[in-house]
Amino acid sequence: MHHIKTIEGNLDAKGLKFAIVAARFNDFIVDRLINGAVDYIVRNGGSRDDLTIVRISGAFEMPLVTKKLARSGAYDGIVCLGAVIRGATPHFDFVASEVAKGIAQVCLDTDVPIGFGILTTDNLEQAIERAGSKGGNKGVDAAAATLESIRVLEQI
């Protein structure tokens, strides 16, 4: 059997600089996502001094702000956090879709790993579940995905 080379990202955040872009809209949910992301990065060797939290109005503004941060060259990775709730957001499907497309485009245009931690839920209960109770914490997941992508890309 031939040996297959495998590239994997070690989950060590030491020395990495992260920006966390977080929407103020639904901030009591988003604050839980931020706490999860920060905790994950610090638990994996990252320093609070290497974290920058950027607060913006809502998810719709996220792609532009993220693009500016990515192009600055100051960050190894960016974690985008927000909560778009169907019951609370007119044009829910449009907003959710455009934000996802916009952030994916920034990622491809800048080669900066971006974690997508924007909840898109039908109701508040689902958002609460995904922000630290029984559904886990999507802020943690987004930070983990960002860190792993950084470390994988270093090896390619």
C-alpha atoms as a PDB file:
ATOM      1  CA  MET A   1       0.000   0.000   0.000  1.00  0.00           C
ATOM      2  CA  HIS A   2       1.425   3.389  -0.969  1.00  0.00           C
ATOM      3  CA  HIS A   3       1.713   6.002   1.734  1.00  0.00           C
ATOM      4  CA  ILE A   4      -0.777   8.827   1.175  1.00  0.00           C
ATOM      5  CA  LYS A   5       0.441  12.253   2.190  1.00  0.00           C
ATOM      6  CA  THR A   6      -2.103  13.903   4.460  1.00  0.00           C
ATOM      7  CA  ILE A   7      -2.130  17.603   5.256  1.00  0.00           C
ATOM      8  CA  GLU A   8      -3.861  18.458   8.502  1.00  0.00           C
ATOM      9  CA  GLY A   9      -3.971  21.609  10.565  1.00  0.00           C
ATOM     10  CA  ASN A  10      -2.684  21.424  14.106  1.00  0.00           C
ATOM     11  CA  LEU A  11      -4.976  23.393  16.358  1.00  0.00           C
ATOM     12  CA  ASP A  12      -2.392  25.692  17.912  1.00  0.00           C
ATOM     13  CA  ALA A  13      -3.348  29.371  17.886  1.00  0.00           C
ATOM     14  CA  LYS A  14      -0.075  30.588  19.417  1.00  0.00           C
ATOM     15  CA  GLY A  15       1.216  33.702  17.653  1.00  0.00           C
ATOM     16  CA  LEU A  16      -1.814  34.103  15.387  1.00  0.00           C
ATOM     17  CA  LYS A  17      -3.798  37.316  15.056  1.00  0.00           C
ATOM     18  CA  PHE A  18      -7.572  37.068  14.724  1.00  0.00           C
ATOM     19  CA  ALA A  19     -10.276  39.613  14.026  1.00  0.00           C
ATOM     20  CA  ILE A  20     -13.748  38.756  15.278  1.00  0.00           C
ATOM     21  CA  VAL A  21     -16.438  40.653  13.392  1.00  0.00           C
ATOM     22  CA  ALA A  22     -19.632  40.644  15.418  1.00  0.00           C
ATOM     23  CA  ALA A  23     -23.056  42.084  14.681  1.00  0.00           C
ATOM     24  CA  ARG A  24     -24.786  44.160  17.368  1.00  0.00           C
ATOM     25  CA  PHE A  25     -28.211  43.009  16.159  1.00  0.00           C
ATOM     26  CA  ASN A  26     -29.398  40.202  18.498  1.00  0.00           C
ATOM     27  CA  ASP A  27     -26.383  41.050  20.646  1.00  0.00           C
ATOM     28  CA  PHE A  28     -27.415  38.906  23.613  1.00  0.00           C
ATOM     29  CA  ILE A  29     -27.039  35.883  21.285  1.00  0.00           C
ATOM     30  CA  VAL A  30     -23.943  37.227  19.516  1.00  0.00           C
ATOM     31  CA  ASP A  31     -22.200  37.957  22.834  1.00  0.00           C
ATOM     32  CA  ARG A  32     -22.405  34.214  23.621  1.00  0.00           C
ATOM     33  CA  LEU A  33     -20.866  33.439  20.224  1.00  0.00           C
ATOM     34  CA  ILE A  34     -18.047  35.923  20.873  1.00  0.00           C
ATOM     35  CA  ASN A  35     -17.355  34.381  24.280  1.00  0.00           C
ATOM     36  CA  GLY A  36     -17.226  30.929  22.695  1.00  0.00           C
ATOM     37  CA  ALA A  37     -14.829  32.022  19.937  1.00  0.00           C
ATOM     38  CA  VAL A  38     -12.510  33.923  22.295  1.00  0.00           C
ATOM     39  CA  ASP A  39     -12.479  31.054  24.781  1.00  0.00           C
ATOM     40  CA  TYR A  40     -11.633  28.551  22.028  1.00  0.00           C
ATOM     41  CA  ILE A  41      -8.737  30.625  20.673  1.00  0.00           C
ATOM     42  CA  VAL A  42      -7.280  31.280  24.136  1.00  0.00           C
ATOM     43  CA  ARG A  43      -7.668  27.617  25.197  1.00  0.00           C
ATOM     44  CA  ASN A  44      -5.712  26.652  22.075  1.00  0.00           C
ATOM     45  CA  GLY A  45      -2.722  28.875  22.809  1.00  0.00           C
ATOM     46  CA  GLY A  46      -3.879  32.179  21.366  1.00  0.00           C
ATOM     47  CA  SER A  47      -3.422  35.449  23.219  1.00  0.00           C
ATOM     48  CA  ARG A  48      -6.162  37.939  24.068  1.00  0.00           C
ATOM     49  CA  ASP A  49      -3.662  40.611  22.979  1.00  0.00           C
ATOM     50  CA  ASP A  50      -3.775  39.161  19.442  1.00  0.00           C
ATOM     51  CA  LEU A  51      -7.579  39.376  19.211  1.00  0.00           C
ATOM     52  CA  THR A  52      -9.499  42.352  17.827  1.00  0.00           C
ATOM     53  CA  ILE A  53     -13.281  42.471  18.126  1.00  0.00           C
ATOM     54  CA  VAL A  54     -15.014  44.651  15.558  1.00  0.00           C
ATOM     55  CA  ARG A  55     -18.657  45.439  16.353  1.00  0.00           C
ATOM     56  CA  ILE A  56     -20.913  46.306  13.434  1.00  0.00           C
ATOM     57  CA  SER A  57     -24.624  46.940  13.052  1.00  0.00           C
ATOM     58  CA  GLY A  58     -25.879  43.719  11.496  1.00  0.00           C
ATOM     59  CA  ALA A  59     -25.043  40.763   9.297  1.00  0.00           C
ATOM     60  CA  PHE A  60     -25.631  42.646   6.044  1.00  0.00           C
ATOM     61  CA  GLU A  61     -22.630  44.908   6.742  1.00  0.00           C
ATOM     62  CA  MET A  62     -20.379  41.924   7.441  1.00  0.00           C
ATOM     63  CA  PRO A  63     -18.874  41.229   3.972  1.00  0.00           C
ATOM     64  CA  LEU A  64     -17.579  44.776   3.430  1.00  0.00           C
ATOM     65  CA  VAL A  65     -16.053  45.112   6.901  1.00  0.00           C
ATOM     66  CA  THR A  66     -14.567  41.616   6.622  1.00  0.00           C
ATOM     67  CA  LYS A  67     -13.036  42.466   3.230  1.00  0.00           C
ATOM     68  CA  LYS A  68     -11.357  45.575   4.635  1.00  0.00           C
ATOM     69  CA  LEU A  69      -9.953  43.581   7.574  1.00  0.00           C
ATOM     70  CA  ALA A  70      -8.749  40.770   5.292  1.00  0.00           C
ATOM     71  CA  ARG A  71      -7.039  43.201   2.919  1.00  0.00           C
ATOM     72  CA  SER A  72      -5.309  45.007   5.802  1.00  0.00           C
ATOM     73  CA  GLY A  73      -2.861  42.124   6.144  1.00  0.00           C
ATOM     74  CA  ALA A  74      -3.038  42.467   9.920  1.00  0.00           C
ATOM     75  CA  TYR A  75      -4.911  39.211  10.608  1.00  0.00           C
ATOM     76  CA  ASP A  76      -4.190  35.536  10.047  1.00  0.00           C
ATOM     77  CA  GLY A  77      -7.880  34.739  10.236  1.00  0.00           C
ATOM     78  CA  ILE A  78     -11.272  36.355  10.699  1.00  0.00           C
ATOM     79  CA  VAL A  79     -14.277  34.961  12.553  1.00  0.00           C
ATOM     80  CA  CYS A  80     -17.675  36.355  11.523  1.00  0.00           C
ATOM     81  CA  LEU A  81     -20.404  36.135  14.152  1.00  0.00           C
ATOM     82  CA  GLY A  82     -24.047  37.132  13.986  1.00  0.00           C
ATOM     83  CA  ALA A  83     -27.618  35.928  14.299  1.00  0.00           C
ATOM     84  CA  VAL A  84     -30.225  36.349  11.575  1.00  0.00           C
ATOM     85  CA  ILE A  85     -33.588  35.179  12.895  1.00  0.00           C
ATOM     86  CA  ARG A  86     -36.461  34.645  10.479  1.00  0.00           C
ATOM     87  CA  GLY A  87     -39.100  35.983  12.854  1.00  0.00           C
ATOM     88  CA  ALA A  88     -37.123  39.168  13.497  1.00  0.00           C
ATOM     89  CA  THR A  89     -35.721  39.948  10.054  1.00  0.00           C
ATOM     90  CA  PRO A  90     -37.674  41.129   7.033  1.00  0.00           C
ATOM     91  CA  HIS A  91     -36.278  39.578   3.828  1.00  0.00           C
ATOM     92  CA  PHE A  92     -34.656  36.825   5.929  1.00  0.00           C
ATOM     93  CA  ASP A  93     -33.760  34.571   2.994  1.00  0.00           C
ATOM     94  CA  PHE A  94     -32.220  37.435   1.042  1.00  0.00           C
ATOM     95  CA  VAL A  95     -30.103  38.658   3.963  1.00  0.00           C
ATOM     96  CA  ALA A  96     -28.909  35.158   4.924  1.00  0.00           C
ATOM     97  CA  SER A  97     -28.012  34.289   1.327  1.00  0.00           C
ATOM     98  CA  GLU A  98     -26.254  37.560   0.474  1.00  0.00           C
ATOM     99  CA  VAL A  99     -24.167  37.552   3.644  1.00  0.00           C
ATOM    100  CA  ALA A 100     -23.020  33.972   3.042  1.00  0.00           C
ATOM    101  CA  LYS A 101     -22.163  34.741  -0.594  1.00  0.00           C
ATOM    102  CA  GLY A 102     -20.375  37.956   0.322  1.00  0.00           C
ATOM    103  CA  ILE A 103     -18.208  36.373   2.985  1.00  0.00           C
ATOM    104  CA  ALA A 104     -17.334  33.422   0.739  1.00  0.00           C
ATOM    105  CA  GLN A 105     -16.271  35.903  -1.949  1.00  0.00           C
ATOM    106  CA  VAL A 106     -14.025  37.811   0.481  1.00  0.00           C
ATOM    107  CA  CYS A 107     -12.387  34.536   1.495  1.00  0.00           C
ATOM    108  CA  LEU A 108     -11.649  33.593  -2.118  1.00  0.00           C
ATOM    109  CA  ASP A 109     -10.520  37.098  -3.119  1.00  0.00           C
ATOM    110  CA  THR A 110      -8.121  37.627  -0.206  1.00  0.00           C
ATOM    111  CA  ASP A 111      -6.882  34.112   0.723  1.00  0.00           C
ATOM    112  CA  VAL A 112      -7.584  34.931   4.380  1.00  0.00           C
ATOM    113  CA  PRO A 113      -9.395  32.126   6.235  1.00  0.00           C
ATOM    114  CA  ILE A 114     -12.801  33.256   7.456  1.00  0.00           C
ATOM    115  CA  GLY A 115     -14.977  31.366   9.911  1.00  0.00           C
ATOM    116  CA  PHE A 116     -18.706  31.596   9.234  1.00  0.00           C
ATOM    117  CA  GLY A 117     -20.428  31.826  12.606  1.00  0.00           C
ATOM    118  CA  ILE A 118     -23.607  33.543  11.530  1.00  0.00           C
ATOM    119  CA  LEU A 119     -26.656  31.767  12.844  1.00  0.00           C
ATOM    120  CA  THR A 120     -29.622  31.630  10.492  1.00  0.00           C
ATOM    121  CA  THR A 121     -32.572  30.296  12.439  1.00  0.00           C
ATOM    122  CA  ASP A 122     -36.350  30.269  12.258  1.00  0.00           C
ATOM    123  CA  ASN A 123     -36.788  31.530  15.790  1.00  0.00           C
ATOM    124  CA  LEU A 124     -35.078  32.787  18.922  1.00  0.00           C
ATOM    125  CA  GLU A 125     -35.138  29.388  20.658  1.00  0.00           C
ATOM    126  CA  GLN A 126     -33.063  27.830  17.848  1.00  0.00           C
ATOM    127  CA  ALA A 127     -30.585  30.701  18.042  1.00  0.00           C
ATOM    128  CA  ILE A 128     -30.192  30.249  21.808  1.00  0.00           C
ATOM    129  CA  GLU A 129     -29.630  26.502  21.308  1.00  0.00           C
ATOM    130  CA  ARG A 130     -26.793  27.186  18.857  1.00  0.00           C
ATOM    131  CA  ALA A 131     -25.175  29.858  21.031  1.00  0.00           C
ATOM    132  CA  GLY A 132     -23.999  27.738  23.907  1.00  0.00           C
ATOM    133  CA  SER A 133     -26.737  25.473  25.181  1.00  0.00           C
ATOM    134  CA  LYS A 134     -27.571  21.992  23.893  1.00  0.00           C
ATOM    135  CA  GLY A 135     -26.771  22.696  20.238  1.00  0.00           C
ATOM    136  CA  GLY A 136     -23.172  23.621  21.020  1.00  0.00           C
ATOM    137  CA  ASN A 137     -21.760  27.049  20.281  1.00  0.00           C
ATOM    138  CA  LYS A 138     -21.330  28.117  16.656  1.00  0.00           C
ATOM    139  CA  GLY A 139     -18.804  30.750  17.768  1.00  0.00           C
ATOM    140  CA  VAL A 140     -16.553  27.915  18.929  1.00  0.00           C
ATOM    141  CA  ASP A 141     -17.137  26.033  15.661  1.00  0.00           C
ATOM    142  CA  ALA A 142     -16.320  29.087  13.537  1.00  0.00           C
ATOM    143  CA  ALA A 143     -13.120  29.819  15.490  1.00  0.00           C
ATOM    144  CA  ALA A 144     -12.053  26.169  15.207  1.00  0.00           C
ATOM    145  CA  ALA A 145     -12.667  26.128  11.446  1.00  0.00           C
ATOM    146  CA  THR A 146     -10.688  29.353  11.031  1.00  0.00           C
ATOM    147  CA  LEU A 147      -7.731  28.062  13.044  1.00  0.00           C
ATOM    148  CA  GLU A 148      -7.672  24.746  11.196  1.00  0.00           C
ATOM    149  CA  SER A 149      -7.808  26.496   7.809  1.00  0.00           C
ATOM    150  CA  ILE A 150      -4.905  28.790   8.746  1.00  0.00           C
ATOM    151  CA  ARG A 151      -2.745  25.821   9.736  1.00  0.00           C
ATOM    152  CA  VAL A 152      -3.687  23.758   6.659  1.00  0.00           C
ATOM    153  CA  LEU A 153      -2.988  26.633   4.254  1.00  0.00           C
ATOM    154  CA  GLU A 154       0.472  27.118   5.796  1.00  0.00           C
ATOM    155  CA  GLN A 155       1.377  23.646   4.540  1.00  0.00           C
ATOM    156  CA  ILE A 156       0.075  23.939   0.981  1.00  0.00           C
END
